Amino acid sequence: MVDLFERCYAFRRADEVKALGLYPYFHPIEENEGPVVTIGGRKIIMAGSNNYLGLTTHPKVKEAAMAAIRKYGTGCSGSRYLTGTLDLHVELEERLAKFLGYEAVLLFSTGFQTALGTIAGLVQKGDYVISDRENHASIVAGALMAKGMGAEFIRYRHNDMDDLERVLSRLPESAAKLVVSDGVFSVTGEIVDLPRLLEIAHRYNARVLIDDAHAIGVIGIGGRGTASMFGLTEQTDLTMGTFSKTFASLGGFVAGPERVINYLKHHSSALIFSASPTPASCAAALAALEILEEHPELVDKLLRNANKMRQGFKEMGFHTLDGQTAIVPVIVGDVQTALLFWRKLFDAGVYVNTFIPPGVPPNMSMMRTSYMATHEDEHLDRILEVFEKVGRELGLLSAEARERIAAGIAQDRLARIPESDRQVP
């Protein structure tokens, strides 16, 4: 007999990394001032947050959350379907729909839950979910949930529209299809080739869902996201997003045609069987939306900061990926180097996110840096200074190291998707 907990007791990898002093996760933040946080009693520059416009500490956002608690209490104690809908939820849905240029919006309690509830709420037995290989884990979970109910789940090469067409061309014309992609990919900061994706998807009668978690407040007119950036809002069937980044709160949403949103209200189990977003969360998101509408220059400042860092890393000789978003990955190659790099940055007063397999392909371990509109040049210059010092210490700035990393990335990107993920029934 096999004990379910046996694998838990056998898991030692995290303990081994902790023993080496290289563990980069679960470090508690004691104070948060936006660009600077306090960890372990030390002031550290934050270069890994998704607080893109720096609004989590904005006085207007904090006061809105506190005012909502005073008026509504701390929670709703019910699902949206039953006793958990407040006028605050409806107001936020209407304001977001107007901002994004869609007929309607539906709120969920988390961004992860939004993907689960939207995909599994729409896709049924005999339908198809077609997903980019590097989509966020929430999209994969939503597709797998739909698969468990009888749908088919197929993945195509990352941002490869020719491969997407290959997949779609082999599917039954009579089957309903949903193509899902990140708008801005959360690991690399790359932007989906939305014009081609829409053209191909609609040619094969497939609907399109774009996850703009890392795009709203970052790209597009006034921060309205991927579809806005390309002038394709009317052609983009559904857009989903989160409140945990630009909107300085917690929760998620999907925007689309009113009839589709109405259907999800009555068929999405993730919505129907979950407690609704808290009053404070909604009020904070509403306040953040108002600030974004009133101050679109924050988006420009954010992108100037990210572009400065992207250019700075390139000039030093680090391997970064071209992009136009707030996410700037610095790829270092192997796991051990990534963990050591993170530790040296942390000790020098800079906090970034370390991404290692299976979160990234085998040769793409990276420092995933991300920036805020509230970073000032003094913060950014210090980050660059520390990165250059650590990069030289670890031998990552030599021509040989750059070539090795580039070769590893190319190998990963060309790796064949497992047949189990590509097979068209």
Protein backbone atom coordinates (compact mmCIF):
# COMPACT_ATOMS: atom_id res chain seq x y z
CA MET A 1 0.00 0.00 0.00
CA VAL A 2 1.16 3.54 -0.82
CA ASP A 3 0.68 6.38 1.65
CA LEU A 4 -0.42 9.59 -0.07
CA PHE A 5 1.82 11.62 2.26
CA GLU A 6 4.93 9.56 1.44
CA ARG A 7 6.03 11.95 -1.32
CA CYS A 8 5.58 14.90 1.04
CA TYR A 9 7.95 13.47 3.63
CA ALA A 10 10.41 12.50 0.90
CA PHE A 11 10.50 16.02 -0.57
CA ARG A 12 13.81 17.56 0.53
CA ARG A 13 14.83 19.90 -2.31
CA ALA A 14 13.57 23.07 -0.62
CA ASP A 15 15.28 22.11 2.65
CA GLU A 16 18.57 21.58 0.83
CA VAL A 17 18.39 25.00 -0.83
CA LYS A 18 17.49 26.62 2.51
CA ALA A 19 20.49 24.95 4.13
CA LEU A 20 22.71 26.56 1.49
CA GLY A 21 21.21 29.97 2.23
CA LEU A 22 19.94 30.29 -1.34
CA TYR A 23 16.18 29.89 -0.86
CA PRO A 24 14.50 32.79 -2.72
CA TYR A 25 10.86 32.27 -1.72
CA PHE A 26 8.44 33.11 1.11
CA HIS A 27 10.49 35.95 2.60
CA PRO A 28 8.07 38.01 4.73
CA ILE A 29 7.85 41.73 3.99
CA GLU A 30 7.58 43.74 7.20
CA GLU A 31 6.91 47.16 5.65
CA ASN A 32 5.98 48.12 2.12
CA GLU A 33 6.63 51.60 0.80
CA GLY A 34 6.34 50.60 -2.86
CA PRO A 35 9.79 50.83 -4.47
CA VAL A 36 11.41 50.06 -1.11
CA VAL A 37 10.39 47.32 1.34
CA THR A 38 11.66 46.10 4.68
CA ILE A 39 12.71 42.45 4.92
CA GLY A 40 14.53 41.09 7.94
CA GLY A 41 14.87 44.61 9.32
CA ARG A 42 16.68 45.84 6.17
CA LYS A 43 15.53 48.35 3.59
CA ILE A 44 15.59 46.64 0.18
CA ILE A 45 14.77 47.98 -3.28
CA MET A 46 11.83 46.03 -4.69
CA ALA A 47 12.37 45.03 -8.31
CA GLY A 48 10.03 42.06 -8.41
CA SER A 49 6.57 43.40 -7.60
CA ASN A 50 3.54 43.44 -9.91
CA ASN A 51 2.42 46.69 -8.26
CA TYR A 52 2.91 48.31 -11.64
CA LEU A 53 1.55 51.80 -10.98
CA GLY A 54 2.66 51.78 -7.33
CA LEU A 55 -0.89 52.24 -6.08
CA THR A 56 -0.96 49.79 -3.16
CA THR A 57 0.26 52.56 -0.87
CA HIS A 58 -1.61 55.43 -2.54
CA PRO A 59 -3.60 57.38 0.09
CA LYS A 60 -6.75 57.41 -2.07
CA VAL A 61 -6.66 53.63 -2.51
CA LYS A 62 -6.06 52.95 1.19
CA GLU A 63 -8.80 55.33 2.29
CA ALA A 64 -11.28 53.80 -0.16
CA ALA A 65 -10.61 50.34 1.29
CA MET A 66 -11.06 51.57 4.86
CA ALA A 67 -14.24 53.47 4.00
CA ALA A 68 -15.70 50.32 2.43
CA ILE A 69 -15.00 48.32 5.59
CA ARG A 70 -16.71 50.98 7.68
CA LYS A 71 -19.78 50.86 5.43
CA TYR A 72 -20.04 47.17 4.46
CA GLY A 73 -17.90 45.29 6.98
CA THR A 74 -14.98 42.98 6.20
CA GLY A 75 -16.67 40.42 3.97
CA CYS A 76 -19.80 39.54 2.02
CA SER A 77 -20.44 36.10 3.57
CA GLY A 78 -21.92 34.68 0.40
CA SER A 79 -21.41 34.08 -3.29
CA ARG A 80 -22.31 36.60 -5.98
CA TYR A 81 -25.08 34.20 -7.00
CA LEU A 82 -26.86 34.49 -3.66
CA THR A 83 -26.28 37.04 -0.88
CA GLY A 84 -22.79 38.21 -1.85
CA THR A 85 -23.50 40.92 -4.43
CA LEU A 86 -23.02 44.51 -3.28
CA ASP A 87 -23.77 47.68 -5.21
CA LEU A 88 -19.98 48.11 -5.08
CA HIS A 89 -19.51 44.97 -7.22
CA VAL A 90 -21.98 46.23 -9.80
CA GLU A 91 -20.38 49.68 -9.88
CA LEU A 92 -16.93 48.22 -10.45
CA GLU A 93 -18.21 45.93 -13.21
CA GLU A 94 -19.90 48.81 -15.01
CA ARG A 95 -16.89 51.13 -14.66
CA LEU A 96 -14.47 48.47 -15.91
CA ALA A 97 -16.67 47.61 -18.89
CA LYS A 98 -16.77 51.25 -19.91
CA PHE A 99 -13.01 51.69 -19.41
CA LEU A 100 -12.12 48.60 -21.45
CA GLY A 101 -14.70 49.14 -24.19
CA TYR A 102 -16.78 45.99 -23.61
CA GLU A 103 -20.51 45.51 -23.05
CA ALA A 104 -20.18 43.86 -19.65
CA VAL A 105 -17.78 42.62 -16.97
CA LEU A 106 -18.05 39.88 -14.35
CA LEU A 107 -15.97 39.91 -11.15
CA PHE A 108 -14.33 36.86 -9.57
CA SER A 109 -12.64 36.57 -6.19
CA THR A 110 -9.12 35.99 -7.58
CA GLY A 111 -7.36 36.22 -10.91
CA PHE A 112 -6.62 32.49 -10.88
CA GLN A 113 -10.28 31.78 -10.28
CA THR A 114 -11.21 34.01 -13.21
CA ALA A 115 -9.39 31.76 -15.67
CA LEU A 116 -10.87 28.64 -14.09
CA GLY A 117 -14.38 30.04 -14.04
CA THR A 118 -14.32 31.51 -17.52
CA ILE A 119 -12.76 28.61 -19.42
CA ALA A 120 -14.57 25.80 -17.61
CA GLY A 121 -17.76 27.86 -17.56
CA LEU A 122 -17.82 28.24 -21.34
CA VAL A 123 -16.23 25.08 -22.71
CA GLN A 124 -18.26 21.87 -22.62
CA LYS A 125 -17.95 18.24 -23.66
CA GLY A 126 -16.80 17.97 -27.27
CA ASP A 127 -15.44 21.54 -27.37
CA TYR A 128 -11.75 22.46 -27.73
CA VAL A 129 -9.43 24.68 -25.69
CA ILE A 130 -6.34 25.70 -27.69
CA SER A 131 -3.68 27.27 -25.49
CA ASP A 132 -0.25 28.86 -25.95
CA ARG A 133 2.48 26.64 -24.53
CA GLU A 134 3.67 29.37 -22.14
CA ASN A 135 0.29 30.51 -20.84
CA HIS A 136 -0.14 31.17 -17.14
CA ALA A 137 -0.81 28.21 -14.84
CA SER A 138 -4.36 29.44 -14.20
CA ILE A 139 -5.20 29.04 -17.90
CA VAL A 140 -3.75 25.53 -17.89
CA ALA A 141 -5.80 24.70 -14.78
CA GLY A 142 -8.96 26.04 -16.41
CA ALA A 143 -8.31 24.01 -19.56
CA LEU A 144 -7.64 20.87 -17.53
CA MET A 145 -10.83 21.44 -15.58
CA ALA A 146 -12.73 21.67 -18.88
CA LYS A 147 -10.91 18.55 -20.08
CA GLY A 148 -12.14 16.72 -17.00
CA MET A 149 -15.68 17.54 -18.13
CA GLY A 150 -15.12 16.11 -21.60
CA ALA A 151 -13.51 18.94 -23.57
CA GLU A 152 -10.25 18.58 -25.52
CA PHE A 153 -7.12 20.53 -24.52
CA ILE A 154 -4.38 21.22 -27.08
CA ARG A 155 -1.29 23.42 -26.84
CA TYR A 156 0.62 25.18 -29.61
CA ARG A 157 4.17 26.54 -29.73
CA HIS A 158 4.73 29.77 -27.87
CA ASN A 159 3.45 32.76 -29.85
CA ASP A 160 3.77 30.68 -33.04
CA MET A 161 0.79 31.56 -35.18
CA ASP A 162 1.74 29.07 -37.89
CA ASP A 163 1.54 26.29 -35.31
CA LEU A 164 -1.77 27.66 -34.06
CA GLU A 165 -3.12 27.47 -37.59
CA ARG A 166 -1.78 23.93 -37.97
CA VAL A 167 -3.73 22.91 -34.86
CA LEU A 168 -6.95 24.69 -35.80
CA SER A 169 -6.91 23.41 -39.38
CA ARG A 170 -7.08 19.82 -38.11
CA LEU A 171 -10.04 20.29 -35.78
CA PRO A 172 -13.61 19.40 -36.76
CA GLU A 173 -15.41 22.36 -38.30
CA SER A 174 -18.51 21.48 -36.31
CA ALA A 175 -16.75 21.73 -32.92
CA ALA A 176 -16.81 24.84 -30.74
CA LYS A 177 -13.32 26.21 -30.09
CA LEU A 178 -11.71 28.65 -27.63
CA VAL A 179 -8.19 29.98 -28.26
CA VAL A 180 -6.60 31.29 -25.07
CA SER A 181 -3.42 33.31 -24.72
CA ASP A 182 -1.72 35.64 -22.31
CA GLY A 183 -1.71 39.18 -23.65
CA VAL A 184 1.58 39.88 -21.88
CA PHE A 185 3.32 36.65 -20.95
CA SER A 186 3.96 36.72 -17.22
CA VAL A 187 7.44 35.20 -17.25
CA THR A 188 9.08 36.87 -20.25
CA GLY A 189 7.04 40.06 -20.69
CA GLU A 190 6.52 39.25 -24.38
CA ILE A 191 3.32 40.42 -26.08
CA VAL A 192 1.09 38.05 -28.00
CA ASP A 193 0.89 38.46 -31.78
CA LEU A 194 -2.76 39.42 -31.40
CA PRO A 195 -3.49 40.57 -34.97
CA ARG A 196 -2.46 37.22 -36.45
CA LEU A 197 -4.00 35.22 -33.61
CA LEU A 198 -7.38 36.88 -34.16
CA GLU A 199 -7.21 36.53 -37.93
CA ILE A 200 -6.41 32.81 -37.73
CA ALA A 201 -8.79 32.01 -34.87
CA HIS A 202 -11.78 33.70 -36.45
CA ARG A 203 -11.03 32.15 -39.85
CA TYR A 204 -11.54 28.76 -38.19
CA ASN A 205 -14.61 29.96 -36.26
CA ALA A 206 -12.82 29.94 -32.90
CA ARG A 207 -13.49 32.45 -30.14
CA VAL A 208 -10.57 34.19 -28.40
CA LEU A 209 -9.87 34.82 -24.72
CA ILE A 210 -6.90 37.07 -23.83
CA ASP A 211 -5.48 37.17 -20.30
CA ASP A 212 -4.41 40.77 -19.64
CA ALA A 213 -3.26 40.32 -16.05
CA HIS A 214 0.11 41.89 -16.90
CA ALA A 215 -1.20 44.22 -19.63
CA ILE A 216 -3.93 46.35 -18.02
CA GLY A 217 -2.31 49.55 -16.77
CA VAL A 218 0.85 48.73 -18.71
CA ILE A 219 0.16 48.79 -22.46
CA GLY A 220 -2.59 50.09 -24.71
CA ILE A 221 -4.27 53.51 -24.80
CA GLY A 222 -4.25 54.79 -21.23
CA GLY A 223 -3.28 51.32 -20.03
CA ARG A 224 -6.31 49.56 -21.54
CA GLY A 225 -4.37 46.43 -22.44
CA THR A 226 -3.39 44.27 -25.37
CA ALA A 227 -6.45 44.64 -27.57
CA SER A 228 -6.29 48.41 -27.16
CA MET A 229 -2.60 48.45 -28.07
CA PHE A 230 -3.39 46.88 -31.45
CA GLY A 231 -6.70 48.71 -31.96
CA LEU A 232 -8.52 45.38 -31.87
CA THR A 233 -10.87 45.63 -28.89
CA GLU A 234 -13.99 45.04 -30.97
CA GLN A 235 -12.46 41.92 -32.54
CA THR A 236 -11.19 40.45 -29.24
CA ASP A 237 -14.03 38.31 -27.94
CA LEU A 238 -13.09 38.18 -24.25
CA THR A 239 -10.45 39.81 -22.06
CA MET A 240 -9.77 38.76 -18.50
CA GLY A 241 -7.58 40.37 -15.88
CA THR A 242 -6.74 40.68 -12.22
CA PHE A 243 -6.89 43.31 -9.48
CA SER A 244 -3.68 42.14 -7.80
CA LYS A 245 -1.35 44.12 -10.05
CA THR A 246 -2.24 47.50 -11.55
CA PHE A 247 -5.42 47.73 -9.46
CA ALA A 248 -3.59 47.33 -6.13
CA SER A 249 -6.09 44.88 -4.69
CA LEU A 250 -7.27 41.27 -4.98
CA GLY A 251 -9.74 39.69 -7.38
CA GLY A 252 -10.26 39.23 -11.09
CA PHE A 253 -12.63 39.93 -13.95
CA VAL A 254 -13.66 38.90 -17.44
CA ALA A 255 -14.98 41.37 -20.00
CA GLY A 256 -17.04 40.57 -23.09
CA PRO A 257 -20.48 40.61 -24.73
CA GLU A 258 -23.35 41.02 -22.27
CA ARG A 259 -24.97 37.73 -23.33
CA VAL A 260 -21.74 35.81 -22.71
CA ILE A 261 -21.20 37.44 -19.32
CA ASN A 262 -24.81 36.67 -18.40
CA TYR A 263 -24.24 33.01 -19.36
CA LEU A 264 -21.15 32.82 -17.14
CA LYS A 265 -23.10 34.29 -14.22
CA HIS A 266 -25.36 31.24 -14.37
CA HIS A 267 -22.90 28.51 -15.45
CA SER A 268 -19.51 29.27 -13.85
CA SER A 269 -19.08 27.04 -10.80
CA ALA A 270 -16.01 29.04 -9.72
CA LEU A 271 -18.28 32.06 -9.39
CA ILE A 272 -21.40 30.39 -8.04
CA PHE A 273 -19.65 28.37 -5.33
CA SER A 274 -17.14 30.98 -4.09
CA ALA A 275 -17.53 33.89 -1.72
CA SER A 276 -17.58 37.20 -3.54
CA PRO A 277 -14.74 39.76 -3.54
CA THR A 278 -14.54 41.69 -0.28
CA PRO A 279 -15.81 45.26 -0.01
CA ALA A 280 -12.30 46.56 0.66
CA SER A 281 -10.92 44.77 -2.40
CA CYS A 282 -13.57 46.23 -4.69
CA ALA A 283 -13.26 49.74 -3.28
CA ALA A 284 -9.47 49.67 -3.63
CA ALA A 285 -9.74 48.49 -7.24
CA LEU A 286 -12.30 51.21 -8.00
CA ALA A 287 -10.02 53.87 -6.55
CA ALA A 288 -7.06 52.54 -8.53
CA LEU A 289 -9.15 52.58 -11.71
CA GLU A 290 -10.06 56.21 -11.07
CA ILE A 291 -6.39 57.12 -10.60
CA LEU A 292 -5.47 55.32 -13.83
CA GLU A 293 -8.21 57.20 -15.71
CA GLU A 294 -7.15 60.55 -14.24
CA HIS A 295 -3.39 60.00 -14.57
CA PRO A 296 -2.53 58.04 -17.74
CA GLU A 297 0.95 59.55 -17.49
CA LEU A 298 1.66 56.90 -14.85
CA VAL A 299 1.66 54.32 -17.65
CA ASP A 300 4.23 56.36 -19.56
CA LYS A 301 6.45 56.64 -16.47
CA LEU A 302 6.22 52.90 -15.87
CA LEU A 303 7.31 52.06 -19.41
CA ARG A 304 10.12 54.63 -19.33
CA ASN A 305 11.44 52.95 -16.19
CA ALA A 306 11.23 49.47 -17.71
CA ASN A 307 12.84 50.59 -20.96
CA LYS A 308 15.70 52.20 -19.06
CA MET A 309 16.37 48.94 -17.25
CA ARG A 310 16.04 46.80 -20.38
CA GLN A 311 18.54 48.99 -22.20
CA GLY A 312 20.85 49.12 -19.19
CA PHE A 313 20.98 45.34 -18.85
CA LYS A 314 21.64 44.94 -22.57
CA GLU A 315 24.48 47.47 -22.54
CA MET A 316 26.13 45.58 -19.67
CA GLY A 317 25.96 42.35 -21.68
CA PHE A 318 23.15 40.51 -19.87
CA HIS A 319 20.81 38.36 -21.93
CA THR A 320 17.36 39.93 -21.84
CA LEU A 321 14.36 39.53 -24.13
CA ASP A 322 13.10 42.39 -26.27
CA GLY A 323 9.87 43.76 -24.93
CA GLN A 324 7.58 46.74 -24.38
CA THR A 325 6.17 45.91 -20.95
CA ALA A 326 7.02 46.27 -17.27
CA ILE A 327 8.60 42.80 -17.09
CA VAL A 328 12.33 42.62 -17.87
CA PRO A 329 13.81 39.11 -17.51
CA VAL A 330 17.55 38.65 -17.09
CA ILE A 331 18.31 35.09 -18.18
CA VAL A 332 21.23 33.39 -16.43
CA GLY A 333 20.83 29.81 -17.64
CA ASP A 334 21.09 27.11 -14.98
CA VAL A 335 19.37 26.71 -11.61
CA GLN A 336 22.45 26.93 -9.39
CA THR A 337 23.60 30.17 -10.99
CA ALA A 338 20.11 31.63 -10.63
CA LEU A 339 19.89 30.82 -6.93
CA LEU A 340 23.36 32.21 -6.25
CA PHE A 341 22.64 35.33 -8.30
CA TRP A 342 19.45 35.94 -6.32
CA ARG A 343 21.27 35.61 -3.00
CA LYS A 344 23.98 38.06 -3.96
CA LEU A 345 21.39 40.59 -5.15
CA PHE A 346 19.41 40.16 -1.95
CA ASP A 347 22.48 40.64 0.23
CA ALA A 348 23.26 43.82 -1.70
CA GLY A 349 19.77 45.20 -1.08
CA VAL A 350 17.88 44.34 -4.28
CA TYR A 351 14.91 41.96 -4.37
CA VAL A 352 13.91 40.22 -7.60
CA ASN A 353 11.97 37.08 -8.50
CA THR A 354 13.91 33.95 -9.29
CA PHE A 355 12.28 31.69 -11.88
CA ILE A 356 13.66 28.17 -12.21
CA PRO A 357 12.32 24.92 -13.75
CA PRO A 358 9.58 23.78 -13.92
CA GLY A 359 8.36 27.39 -13.93
CA VAL A 360 10.64 28.03 -16.91
CA PRO A 361 12.29 25.70 -19.47
CA PRO A 362 15.52 23.92 -18.41
CA ASN A 363 17.97 26.50 -19.81
CA MET A 364 16.00 29.65 -19.00
CA SER A 365 16.45 30.13 -15.26
CA MET A 366 16.20 33.87 -14.76
CA MET A 367 15.96 36.91 -12.58
CA ARG A 368 12.52 38.18 -13.52
CA THR A 369 12.63 41.86 -12.75
CA SER A 370 9.55 44.07 -12.93
CA TYR A 371 9.09 47.79 -12.41
CA MET A 372 6.72 50.39 -11.06
CA ALA A 373 5.77 53.90 -12.04
CA THR A 374 6.97 54.96 -8.58
CA HIS A 375 10.55 53.78 -9.08
CA GLU A 376 12.86 56.78 -9.29
CA ASP A 377 16.23 56.98 -11.06
CA GLU A 378 18.07 56.52 -7.76
CA HIS A 379 16.37 53.11 -7.34
CA LEU A 380 16.95 52.04 -10.93
CA ASP A 381 20.58 53.15 -11.02
CA ARG A 382 21.30 51.21 -7.85
CA ILE A 383 19.67 48.07 -9.29
CA LEU A 384 21.84 48.34 -12.41
CA GLU A 385 24.95 48.89 -10.31
CA VAL A 386 24.31 45.78 -8.21
CA PHE A 387 23.40 43.64 -11.23
CA GLU A 388 26.65 44.57 -12.99
CA LYS A 389 28.75 43.80 -9.91
CA VAL A 390 27.10 40.39 -9.37
CA GLY A 391 27.13 39.58 -13.08
CA ARG A 392 30.88 40.11 -13.22
CA GLU A 393 31.45 38.07 -10.07
CA LEU A 394 29.57 35.13 -11.60
CA GLY A 395 31.18 35.45 -15.03
CA LEU A 396 27.88 36.11 -16.82
CA LEU A 397 29.01 39.13 -18.82
CA SER A 398 31.64 37.42 -20.95
CA ALA A 399 31.02 36.76 -24.64
CA GLU A 400 31.32 33.03 -23.98
CA ALA A 401 28.66 33.14 -21.26
CA ARG A 402 26.29 35.14 -23.46
CA GLU A 403 26.67 32.65 -26.31
CA ARG A 404 26.05 29.71 -23.99
CA ILE A 405 22.88 31.26 -22.57
CA ALA A 406 21.60 32.22 -26.03
CA ALA A 407 22.15 28.66 -27.28
CA GLY A 408 20.25 27.25 -24.30
CA ILE A 409 17.30 29.58 -24.89
CA ALA A 410 17.16 28.62 -28.56
CA GLN A 411 17.18 24.95 -27.62
CA ASP A 412 14.32 25.43 -25.18
CA ARG A 413 12.23 27.47 -27.58
CA LEU A 414 12.62 24.87 -30.32
CA ALA A 415 11.86 21.96 -28.01
CA ARG A 416 8.98 19.89 -29.30
CA ILE A 417 5.75 19.99 -27.36
CA PRO A 418 4.94 16.50 -26.05
CA GLU A 419 2.65 14.60 -28.37
CA SER A 420 0.14 14.23 -25.56
CA ASP A 421 -0.29 18.02 -25.63
CA ARG A 422 -0.31 18.38 -29.42
CA GLN A 423 -2.36 15.45 -30.59
CA VAL A 424 -5.53 16.39 -32.42
CA PRO A 425 -8.16 13.69 -31.83
